[in-house]
PDB file of all heavy atoms in Angstrom:
ATOM      1  N   GLU A   1      16.805 -33.266  -1.014  1.00  0.00           N
ATOM      2  CA  GLU A   1      17.534 -34.384  -0.389  1.00  0.00           C
ATOM      3  C   GLU A   1      16.930 -35.615  -0.983  1.00  0.00           C
ATOM      4  O   GLU A   1      17.627 -36.643  -1.259  1.00  0.00           O
ATOM      5  CB  GLU A   1      17.446 -34.279   1.105  1.00  0.00           C
ATOM      6  CG  GLU A   1      18.543 -33.394   1.733  1.00  0.00           C
ATOM      7  CD  GLU A   1      19.895 -33.712   1.276  1.00  0.00           C
ATOM      8  OE1 GLU A   1      20.302 -34.894   1.289  1.00  0.00           O
ATOM      9  OE2 GLU A   1      20.641 -32.865   0.927  1.00  0.00           O
ATOM     10  N   GLU A   2      15.545 -35.675  -1.108  1.00  0.00           N
ATOM     11  CA  GLU A   2      14.880 -36.851  -1.641  1.00  0.00           C
ATOM     12  C   GLU A   2      15.300 -37.066  -3.121  1.00  0.00           C
ATOM     13  O   GLU A   2      15.489 -38.221  -3.582  1.00  0.00           O
ATOM     14  CB  GLU A   2      13.440 -36.719  -1.495  1.00  0.00           C
ATOM     15  CG  GLU A   2      12.942 -36.792  -0.079  1.00  0.00           C
ATOM     16  CD  GLU A   2      11.463 -36.709   0.045  1.00  0.00           C
ATOM     17  OE1 GLU A   2      10.788 -36.577  -1.015  1.00  0.00           O
ATOM     18  OE2 GLU A   2      10.932 -36.746   1.199  1.00  0.00           O
ATOM     19  N   GLU A   3      15.438 -35.961  -3.856  1.00  0.00           N
ATOM     20  CA  GLU A   3      15.858 -36.089  -5.248  1.00  0.00           C
ATOM     21  C   GLU A   3      17.223 -36.611  -5.442  1.00  0.00           C
ATOM     22  O   GLU A   3      17.535 -37.443  -6.291  1.00  0.00           O
ATOM     23  CB  GLU A   3      15.704 -34.837  -5.956  1.00  0.00           C
ATOM     24  CG  GLU A   3      15.775 -34.855  -7.442  1.00  0.00           C
ATOM     25  CD  GLU A   3      15.314 -33.550  -8.211  1.00  0.00           C
ATOM     26  OE1 GLU A   3      14.832 -32.647  -7.499  1.00  0.00           O
ATOM     27  OE2 GLU A   3      15.441 -33.509  -9.364  1.00  0.00           O
ATOM     28  N   VAL A   4      18.059 -36.202  -4.482  1.00  0.00           N
ATOM     29  CA  VAL A   4      19.413 -36.736  -4.409  1.00  0.00           C
ATOM     30  C   VAL A   4      19.460 -38.233  -4.071  1.00  0.00           C
ATOM     31  O   VAL A   4      20.208 -39.006  -4.659  1.00  0.00           O
ATOM     32  CB  VAL A   4      20.355 -35.975  -3.390  1.00  0.00           C
ATOM     33  CG1 VAL A   4      21.715 -36.702  -3.168  1.00  0.00           C
ATOM     34  CG2 VAL A   4      20.587 -34.535  -3.821  1.00  0.00           C
ATOM     35  N   GLU A   5      18.570 -38.641  -3.220  1.00  0.00           N
ATOM     36  CA  GLU A   5      18.480 -40.035  -2.829  1.00  0.00           C
ATOM     37  C   GLU A   5      17.947 -40.893  -4.011  1.00  0.00           C
ATOM     38  O   GLU A   5      18.391 -42.018  -4.244  1.00  0.00           O
ATOM     39  CB  GLU A   5      17.533 -40.178  -1.672  1.00  0.00           C
ATOM     40  CG  GLU A   5      17.305 -41.656  -1.211  1.00  0.00           C
ATOM     41  CD  GLU A   5      18.543 -42.312  -0.689  1.00  0.00           C
ATOM     42  OE1 GLU A   5      19.566 -41.541  -0.302  1.00  0.00           O
ATOM     43  OE2 GLU A   5      18.708 -43.529  -0.722  1.00  0.00           O
ATOM     44  N   VAL A   6      17.096 -40.261  -4.814  1.00  0.00           N
ATOM     45  CA  VAL A   6      16.669 -41.008  -6.066  1.00  0.00           C
ATOM     46  C   VAL A   6      17.838 -41.330  -6.986  1.00  0.00           C
ATOM     47  O   VAL A   6      18.021 -42.424  -7.529  1.00  0.00           O
ATOM     48  CB  VAL A   6      15.532 -40.144  -6.778  1.00  0.00           C
ATOM     49  CG1 VAL A   6      15.302 -40.776  -8.198  1.00  0.00           C
ATOM     50  CG2 VAL A   6      14.300 -40.015  -6.016  1.00  0.00           C
ATOM     51  N   LEU A   7      18.714 -40.319  -7.103  1.00  0.00           N
ATOM     52  CA  LEU A   7      19.884 -40.498  -7.972  1.00  0.00           C
ATOM     53  C   LEU A   7      20.870 -41.498  -7.335  1.00  0.00           C
ATOM     54  O   LEU A   7      21.487 -42.313  -8.055  1.00  0.00           O
ATOM     55  CB  LEU A   7      20.633 -39.131  -8.097  1.00  0.00           C
ATOM     56  CG  LEU A   7      19.798 -37.982  -8.850  1.00  0.00           C
ATOM     57  CD1 LEU A   7      20.713 -36.733  -9.020  1.00  0.00           C
ATOM     58  CD2 LEU A   7      19.174 -38.484 -10.064  1.00  0.00           C
ATOM     59  N   ARG A   8      20.996 -41.466  -5.983  1.00  0.00           N
ATOM     60  CA  ARG A   8      21.933 -42.458  -5.353  1.00  0.00           C
ATOM     61  C   ARG A   8      21.410 -43.855  -5.629  1.00  0.00           C
ATOM     62  O   ARG A   8      22.162 -44.803  -6.015  1.00  0.00           O
ATOM     63  CB  ARG A   8      21.963 -42.187  -3.785  1.00  0.00           C
ATOM     64  CG  ARG A   8      22.747 -41.020  -3.357  1.00  0.00           C
ATOM     65  CD  ARG A   8      22.992 -41.107  -1.941  1.00  0.00           C
ATOM     66  NE  ARG A   8      23.496 -39.797  -1.296  1.00  0.00           N
ATOM     67  CZ  ARG A   8      22.784 -38.983  -0.660  1.00  0.00           C
ATOM     68  NH1 ARG A   8      21.461 -39.274  -0.332  1.00  0.00           N
ATOM     69  NH2 ARG A   8      23.259 -37.866  -0.253  1.00  0.00           N
ATOM     70  N   ARG A   9      20.137 -44.107  -5.530  1.00  0.00           N
ATOM     71  CA  ARG A   9      19.590 -45.375  -5.711  1.00  0.00           C
ATOM     72  C   ARG A   9      19.658 -45.851  -7.130  1.00  0.00           C
ATOM     73  O   ARG A   9      19.886 -47.091  -7.389  1.00  0.00           O
ATOM     74  CB  ARG A   9      18.103 -45.525  -5.180  1.00  0.00           C
ATOM     75  CG  ARG A   9      17.958 -45.192  -3.714  1.00  0.00           C
ATOM     76  CD  ARG A   9      16.539 -45.580  -3.233  1.00  0.00           C
ATOM     77  NE  ARG A   9      16.322 -45.160  -1.911  1.00  0.00           N
ATOM     78  CZ  ARG A   9      15.235 -45.414  -1.136  1.00  0.00           C
ATOM     79  NH1 ARG A   9      14.216 -46.065  -1.785  1.00  0.00           N
ATOM     80  NH2 ARG A   9      15.179 -45.053   0.148  1.00  0.00           N
ATOM     81  N   ARG A  10      19.617 -44.953  -8.070  1.00  0.00           N
ATOM     82  CA  ARG A  10      19.691 -45.292  -9.491  1.00  0.00           C
ATOM     83  C   ARG A  10      21.106 -45.756  -9.722  1.00  0.00           C
ATOM     84  O   ARG A  10      21.406 -46.673 -10.464  1.00  0.00           O
ATOM     85  CB  ARG A  10      19.414 -44.094 -10.351  1.00  0.00           C
ATOM     86  CG  ARG A  10      19.616 -44.253 -11.822  1.00  0.00           C
ATOM     87  CD  ARG A  10      18.844 -45.342 -12.407  1.00  0.00           C
ATOM     88  NE  ARG A  10      19.127 -45.667 -13.815  1.00  0.00           N
ATOM     89  CZ  ARG A  10      20.164 -46.399 -14.210  1.00  0.00           C
ATOM     90  NH1 ARG A  10      20.968 -46.963 -13.385  1.00  0.00           N
ATOM     91  NH2 ARG A  10      20.382 -46.575 -15.529  1.00  0.00           N
ATOM     92  N   ILE A  11      22.114 -45.010  -9.185  1.00  0.00           N
ATOM     93  CA  ILE A  11      23.589 -45.471  -9.340  1.00  0.00           C
ATOM     94  C   ILE A  11      23.819 -46.895  -8.712  1.00  0.00           C
ATOM     95  O   ILE A  11      24.388 -47.641  -9.278  1.00  0.00           O
ATOM     96  CB  ILE A  11      24.425 -44.464  -8.812  1.00  0.00           C
ATOM     97  CG1 ILE A  11      24.357 -43.115  -9.491  1.00  0.00           C
ATOM     98  CG2 ILE A  11      25.907 -44.981  -8.614  1.00  0.00           C
ATOM     99  CD1 ILE A  11      25.191 -41.959  -8.877  1.00  0.00           C
ATOM    100  N   ALA A  12      23.245 -47.063  -7.454  1.00  0.00           N
ATOM    101  CA  ALA A  12      23.512 -48.312  -6.798  1.00  0.00           C
ATOM    102  C   ALA A  12      22.742 -49.493  -7.530  1.00  0.00           C
ATOM    103  O   ALA A  12      23.263 -50.642  -7.594  1.00  0.00           O
ATOM    104  CB  ALA A  12      22.945 -48.254  -5.376  1.00  0.00           C
ATOM    105  N   ARG A  13      21.659 -49.199  -8.195  1.00  0.00           N
ATOM    106  CA  ARG A  13      20.825 -50.223  -8.904  1.00  0.00           C
ATOM    107  C   ARG A  13      21.569 -50.763 -10.166  1.00  0.00           C
ATOM    108  O   ARG A  13      21.462 -51.875 -10.623  1.00  0.00           O
ATOM    109  CB  ARG A  13      19.459 -49.706  -9.194  1.00  0.00           C
ATOM    110  CG  ARG A  13      18.512 -50.805  -9.533  1.00  0.00           C
ATOM    111  CD  ARG A  13      17.041 -50.246  -9.496  1.00  0.00           C
ATOM    112  NE  ARG A  13      16.763 -49.055 -10.264  1.00  0.00           N
ATOM    113  CZ  ARG A  13      16.470 -47.854  -9.986  1.00  0.00           C
ATOM    114  NH1 ARG A  13      16.374 -47.677  -8.590  1.00  0.00           N
ATOM    115  NH2 ARG A  13      16.205 -46.914 -10.790  1.00  0.00           N
ATOM    116  N   GLN A  14      22.324 -49.818 -10.831  1.00  0.00           N
ATOM    117  CA  GLN A  14      23.044 -50.058 -12.095  1.00  0.00           C
ATOM    118  C   GLN A  14      22.203 -50.591 -13.224  1.00  0.00           C
ATOM    119  O   GLN A  14      22.616 -51.134 -14.129  1.00  0.00           O
ATOM    120  CB  GLN A  14      24.123 -51.128 -11.812  1.00  0.00           C
ATOM    121  CG  GLN A  14      25.150 -50.623 -10.825  1.00  0.00           C
ATOM    122  CD  GLN A  14      26.314 -51.599 -10.669  1.00  0.00           C
ATOM    123  OE1 GLN A  14      26.231 -52.681 -11.256  1.00  0.00           O
ATOM    124  NE2 GLN A  14      27.412 -51.231  -9.939  1.00  0.00           N
ATOM    125  N   ARG A  15      20.903 -50.108 -13.148  1.00  0.00           N
ATOM    126  CA  ARG A  15      19.943 -50.440 -14.279  1.00  0.00           C
ATOM    127  C   ARG A  15      18.741 -49.577 -14.019  1.00  0.00           C
ATOM    128  O   ARG A  15      18.516 -49.067 -13.032  1.00  0.00           O
ATOM    129  CB  ARG A  15      19.601 -51.882 -14.314  1.00  0.00           C
ATOM    130  CG  ARG A  15      18.748 -52.340 -13.171  1.00  0.00           C
ATOM    131  CD  ARG A  15      18.459 -53.868 -13.323  1.00  0.00           C
ATOM    132  NE  ARG A  15      17.545 -54.330 -12.183  1.00  0.00           N
ATOM    133  CZ  ARG A  15      17.946 -54.633 -11.009  1.00  0.00           C
ATOM    134  NH1 ARG A  15      19.224 -54.721 -10.645  1.00  0.00           N
ATOM    135  NH2 ARG A  15      17.067 -55.102 -10.084  1.00  0.00           N
ATOM    136  N   GLU A  16      18.006 -49.321 -15.185  1.00  0.00           N
ATOM    137  CA  GLU A  16      16.843 -48.493 -15.049  1.00  0.00           C
ATOM    138  C   GLU A  16      15.603 -49.184 -14.505  1.00  0.00           C
ATOM    139  O   GLU A  16      14.942 -48.542 -13.665  1.00  0.00           O
ATOM    140  CB  GLU A  16      16.475 -47.998 -16.519  1.00  0.00           C
ATOM    141  CG  GLU A  16      15.365 -46.944 -16.502  1.00  0.00           C
ATOM    142  CD  GLU A  16      15.742 -45.657 -15.781  1.00  0.00           C
ATOM    143  OE1 GLU A  16      16.938 -45.298 -15.784  1.00  0.00           O
ATOM    144  OE2 GLU A  16      14.795 -45.051 -15.208  1.00  0.00           O
ATOM    145  N   GLU A  17      15.312 -50.429 -14.847  1.00  0.00           N
ATOM    146  CA  GLU A  17      14.130 -51.121 -14.408  1.00  0.00           C
ATOM    147  C   GLU A  17      14.278 -51.583 -12.907  1.00  0.00           C
ATOM    148  O   GLU A  17      15.363 -51.708 -12.395  1.00  0.00           O
ATOM    149  CB  GLU A  17      13.827 -52.382 -15.255  1.00  0.00           C
ATOM    150  CG  GLU A  17      14.837 -53.434 -15.172  1.00  0.00           C
ATOM    151  CD  GLU A  17      16.067 -53.241 -16.104  1.00  0.00           C
ATOM    152  OE1 GLU A  17      16.181 -52.254 -16.711  1.00  0.00           O
ATOM    153  OE2 GLU A  17      16.998 -54.135 -16.105  1.00  0.00           O
ATOM    154  N   THR A  18      13.106 -51.663 -12.258  1.00  0.00           N
ATOM    155  CA  THR A  18      13.089 -52.094 -10.896  1.00  0.00           C
ATOM    156  C   THR A  18      12.153 -53.255 -10.702  1.00  0.00           C
ATOM    157  O   THR A  18      11.149 -53.305 -11.423  1.00  0.00           O
ATOM    158  CB  THR A  18      12.552 -50.921  -9.932  1.00  0.00           C
ATOM    159  OG1 THR A  18      11.242 -50.559 -10.388  1.00  0.00           O
ATOM    160  CG2 THR A  18      13.500 -49.745  -9.984  1.00  0.00           C
ATOM    161  N   VAL A  19      12.569 -54.230 -10.007  1.00  0.00           N
ATOM    162  CA  VAL A  19      11.753 -55.452  -9.689  1.00  0.00           C
ATOM    163  C   VAL A  19      11.641 -55.686  -8.200  1.00  0.00           C
ATOM    164  O   VAL A  19      12.602 -55.681  -7.590  1.00  0.00           O
ATOM    165  CB  VAL A  19      12.350 -56.680 -10.435  1.00  0.00           C
ATOM    166  CG1 VAL A  19      11.557 -57.873 -10.087  1.00  0.00           C
ATOM    167  CG2 VAL A  19      12.478 -56.512 -11.981  1.00  0.00           C
ATOM    168  N   LEU A  20      10.393 -55.767  -7.804  1.00  0.00           N
ATOM    169  CA  LEU A  20      10.134 -55.981  -6.334  1.00  0.00           C
ATOM    170  C   LEU A  20       9.581 -57.358  -6.156  1.00  0.00           C
ATOM    171  O   LEU A  20       8.704 -57.821  -6.853  1.00  0.00           O
ATOM    172  CB  LEU A  20       9.155 -54.880  -5.804  1.00  0.00           C
ATOM    173  CG  LEU A  20       9.660 -53.415  -5.866  1.00  0.00           C
ATOM    174  CD1 LEU A  20       8.615 -52.492  -5.355  1.00  0.00           C
ATOM    175  CD2 LEU A  20      11.014 -53.268  -5.083  1.00  0.00           C
ATOM    176  N   ALA A  21       9.908 -57.981  -5.082  1.00  0.00           N
ATOM    177  CA  ALA A  21       9.335 -59.283  -4.666  1.00  0.00           C
ATOM    178  C   ALA A  21       7.902 -58.972  -4.092  1.00  0.00           C
ATOM    179  O   ALA A  21       7.748 -58.089  -3.277  1.00  0.00           O
ATOM    180  CB  ALA A  21      10.171 -60.022  -3.636  1.00  0.00           C
ATOM    181  N   PRO A  22       6.948 -59.786  -4.463  1.00  0.00           N
ATOM    182  CA  PRO A  22       5.600 -59.707  -3.870  1.00  0.00           C
ATOM    183  C   PRO A  22       5.545 -59.982  -2.411  1.00  0.00           C
ATOM    184  O   PRO A  22       6.207 -60.865  -1.974  1.00  0.00           O
ATOM    185  CB  PRO A  22       4.779 -60.706  -4.611  1.00  0.00           C
ATOM    186  CG  PRO A  22       5.734 -61.680  -5.173  1.00  0.00           C
ATOM    187  CD  PRO A  22       6.953 -60.981  -5.382  1.00  0.00           C
ATOM    188  N   VAL A  23       4.835 -59.086  -1.680  1.00  0.00           N
ATOM    189  CA  VAL A  23       4.597 -59.308  -0.262  1.00  0.00           C
ATOM    190  C   VAL A  23       3.457 -60.102   0.030  1.00  0.00           C
ATOM    191  O   VAL A  23       3.452 -61.032   0.907  1.00  0.00           O
ATOM    192  CB  VAL A  23       4.472 -57.889   0.439  1.00  0.00           C
ATOM    193  CG1 VAL A  23       4.204 -58.027   1.984  1.00  0.00           C
ATOM    194  CG2 VAL A  23       5.734 -57.012   0.240  1.00  0.00           C
ATOM    195  N   ILE A  24       2.354 -59.916  -0.776  1.00  0.00           N
ATOM    196  CA  ILE A  24       1.132 -60.722  -0.646  1.00  0.00           C
ATOM    197  C   ILE A  24       0.804 -61.198  -2.072  1.00  0.00           C
ATOM    198  O   ILE A  24       1.497 -60.775  -3.082  1.00  0.00           O
ATOM    199  CB  ILE A  24      -0.046 -59.980   0.059  1.00  0.00           C
ATOM    200  CG1 ILE A  24      -0.407 -58.803  -0.819  1.00  0.00           C
ATOM    201  CG2 ILE A  24       0.281 -59.690   1.460  1.00  0.00           C
ATOM    202  CD1 ILE A  24      -1.570 -57.981  -0.251  1.00  0.00           C
ATOM    203  N   ASP A  25      -0.326 -61.860  -2.248  1.00  0.00           N
ATOM    204  CA  ASP A  25      -0.802 -62.205  -3.581  1.00  0.00           C
ATOM    205  C   ASP A  25      -2.219 -61.714  -3.735  1.00  0.00           C
ATOM    206  O   ASP A  25      -2.870 -61.133  -2.880  1.00  0.00           O
ATOM    207  CB  ASP A  25      -0.651 -63.673  -3.902  1.00  0.00           C
ATOM    208  CG  ASP A  25      -1.437 -64.513  -2.960  1.00  0.00           C
ATOM    209  OD1 ASP A  25      -2.388 -64.031  -2.191  1.00  0.00           O
ATOM    210  OD2 ASP A  25      -1.100 -65.770  -2.769  1.00  0.00           O
ATOM    211  N   ALA A  26      -2.779 -61.940  -5.002  1.00  0.00           N
ATOM    212  CA  ALA A  26      -4.071 -61.506  -5.269  1.00  0.00           C
ATOM    213  C   ALA A  26      -5.180 -62.017  -4.317  1.00  0.00           C
ATOM    214  O   ALA A  26      -6.097 -61.403  -3.926  1.00  0.00           O
ATOM    215  CB  ALA A  26      -4.499 -61.713  -6.728  1.00  0.00           C
ATOM    216  N   THR A  27      -4.988 -63.356  -4.030  1.00  0.00           N
ATOM    217  CA  THR A  27      -5.942 -63.937  -3.063  1.00  0.00           C
ATOM    218  C   THR A  27      -5.970 -63.354  -1.750  1.00  0.00           C
ATOM    219  O   THR A  27      -7.012 -63.140  -1.216  1.00  0.00           O
ATOM    220  CB  THR A  27      -5.622 -65.453  -2.948  1.00  0.00           C
ATOM    221  OG1 THR A  27      -5.716 -66.075  -4.306  1.00  0.00           O
ATOM    222  CG2 THR A  27      -6.585 -66.203  -2.075  1.00  0.00           C
ATOM    223  N   ARG A  28      -4.771 -63.057  -1.233  1.00  0.00           N
ATOM    224  CA  ARG A  28      -4.676 -62.454   0.079  1.00  0.00           C
ATOM    225  C   ARG A  28      -5.218 -61.088   0.030  1.00  0.00           C
ATOM    226  O   ARG A  28      -5.865 -60.608   1.027  1.00  0.00           O
ATOM    227  CB  ARG A  28      -3.204 -62.478   0.583  1.00  0.00           C
ATOM    228  CG  ARG A  28      -2.971 -61.782   1.949  1.00  0.00           C
ATOM    229  CD  ARG A  28      -3.837 -62.435   3.010  1.00  0.00           C
ATOM    230  NE  ARG A  28      -3.593 -61.859   4.372  1.00  0.00           N
ATOM    231  CZ  ARG A  28      -4.447 -61.981   5.349  1.00  0.00           C
ATOM    232  NH1 ARG A  28      -5.616 -62.611   5.175  1.00  0.00           N
ATOM    233  NH2 ARG A  28      -4.212 -61.398   6.412  1.00  0.00           N
ATOM    234  N   LEU A  29      -4.915 -60.257  -1.033  1.00  0.00           N
ATOM    235  CA  LEU A  29      -5.528 -58.984  -1.119  1.00  0.00           C
ATOM    236  C   LEU A  29      -6.980 -58.987  -1.113  1.00  0.00           C
ATOM    237  O   LEU A  29      -7.601 -58.088  -0.406  1.00  0.00           O
ATOM    238  CB  LEU A  29      -5.025 -58.299  -2.426  1.00  0.00           C
ATOM    239  CG  LEU A  29      -5.624 -56.979  -2.738  1.00  0.00           C
ATOM    240  CD1 LEU A  29      -5.318 -55.940  -1.671  1.00  0.00           C
ATOM    241  CD2 LEU A  29      -5.083 -56.392  -4.095  1.00  0.00           C
ATOM    242  N   ALA A  30      -7.657 -59.926  -1.784  1.00  0.00           N
ATOM    243  CA  ALA A  30      -9.092 -60.040  -1.719  1.00  0.00           C
ATOM    244  C   ALA A  30      -9.566 -60.319  -0.315  1.00  0.00           C
ATOM    245  O   ALA A  30     -10.607 -59.829   0.170  1.00  0.00           O
ATOM    246  CB  ALA A  30      -9.537 -61.147  -2.700  1.00  0.00           C
ATOM    247  N   GLU A  31      -8.855 -61.124   0.469  1.00  0.00           N
ATOM    248  CA  GLU A  31      -9.220 -61.403   1.888  1.00  0.00           C
ATOM    249  C   GLU A  31      -9.098 -60.120   2.712  1.00  0.00           C
ATOM    250  O   GLU A  31     -10.007 -59.915   3.523  1.00  0.00           O
ATOM    251  CB  GLU A  31      -8.337 -62.522   2.425  1.00  0.00           C
ATOM    252  CG  GLU A  31      -8.534 -63.839   1.745  1.00  0.00           C
ATOM    253  CD  GLU A  31      -7.486 -64.903   2.261  1.00  0.00           C
ATOM    254  OE1 GLU A  31      -6.520 -64.448   2.987  1.00  0.00           O
ATOM    255  OE2 GLU A  31      -7.591 -66.033   1.906  1.00  0.00           O
ATOM    256  N   LEU A  32      -8.067 -59.391   2.478  1.00  0.00           N
ATOM    257  CA  LEU A  32      -7.917 -58.112   3.235  1.00  0.00           C
ATOM    258  C   LEU A  32      -9.031 -57.131   2.922  1.00  0.00           C
ATOM    259  O   LEU A  32      -9.508 -56.384   3.769  1.00  0.00           O
ATOM    260  CB  LEU A  32      -6.547 -57.486   2.934  1.00  0.00           C
ATOM    261  CG  LEU A  32      -5.301 -58.264   3.301  1.00  0.00           C
ATOM    262  CD1 LEU A  32      -4.011 -57.422   2.980  1.00  0.00           C
ATOM    263  CD2 LEU A  32      -5.297 -58.717   4.718  1.00  0.00           C
ATOM    264  N   GLN A  33      -9.383 -57.037   1.629  1.00  0.00           N
ATOM    265  CA  GLN A  33     -10.527 -56.230   1.271  1.00  0.00           C
ATOM    266  C   GLN A  33     -11.829 -56.550   1.874  1.00  0.00           C
ATOM    267  O   GLN A  33     -12.619 -55.711   2.299  1.00  0.00           O
ATOM    268  CB  GLN A  33     -10.604 -56.215  -0.286  1.00  0.00           C
ATOM    269  CG  GLN A  33      -9.424 -55.470  -1.023  1.00  0.00           C
ATOM    270  CD  GLN A  33      -9.543 -55.660  -2.494  1.00  0.00           C
ATOM    271  OE1 GLN A  33     -10.162 -56.665  -3.045  1.00  0.00           O
ATOM    272  NE2 GLN A  33      -8.874 -54.752  -3.238  1.00  0.00           N
ATOM    273  N   ALA A  34     -12.008 -57.838   2.035  1.00  0.00           N
ATOM    274  CA  ALA A  34     -13.248 -58.378   2.683  1.00  0.00           C
ATOM    275  C   ALA A  34     -13.268 -58.074   4.157  1.00  0.00           C
ATOM    276  O   ALA A  34     -14.364 -57.763   4.742  1.00  0.00           O
ATOM    277  CB  ALA A  34     -13.426 -59.892   2.522  1.00  0.00           C
ATOM    278  N   THR A  35     -12.090 -58.068   4.754  1.00  0.00           N
ATOM    279  CA  THR A  35     -11.987 -57.714   6.208  1.00  0.00           C
ATOM    280  C   THR A  35     -12.476 -56.310   6.526  1.00  0.00           C
ATOM    281  O   THR A  35     -13.003 -56.033   7.602  1.00  0.00           O
ATOM    282  CB  THR A  35     -10.492 -57.925   6.683  1.00  0.00           C
ATOM    283  OG1 THR A  35     -10.168 -59.286   6.432  1.00  0.00           O
ATOM    284  CG2 THR A  35     -10.364 -57.584   8.152  1.00  0.00           C
TER     285      THR A  35
END
């Protein structure tokens, strides 16, 4: 079922590459690591 979902998302995306918006940045990651 998960493999089928991979194919569904590939069809919906209509391209091979994927681009995600950043949730945090490198500075914030360093702060989380210090915590």
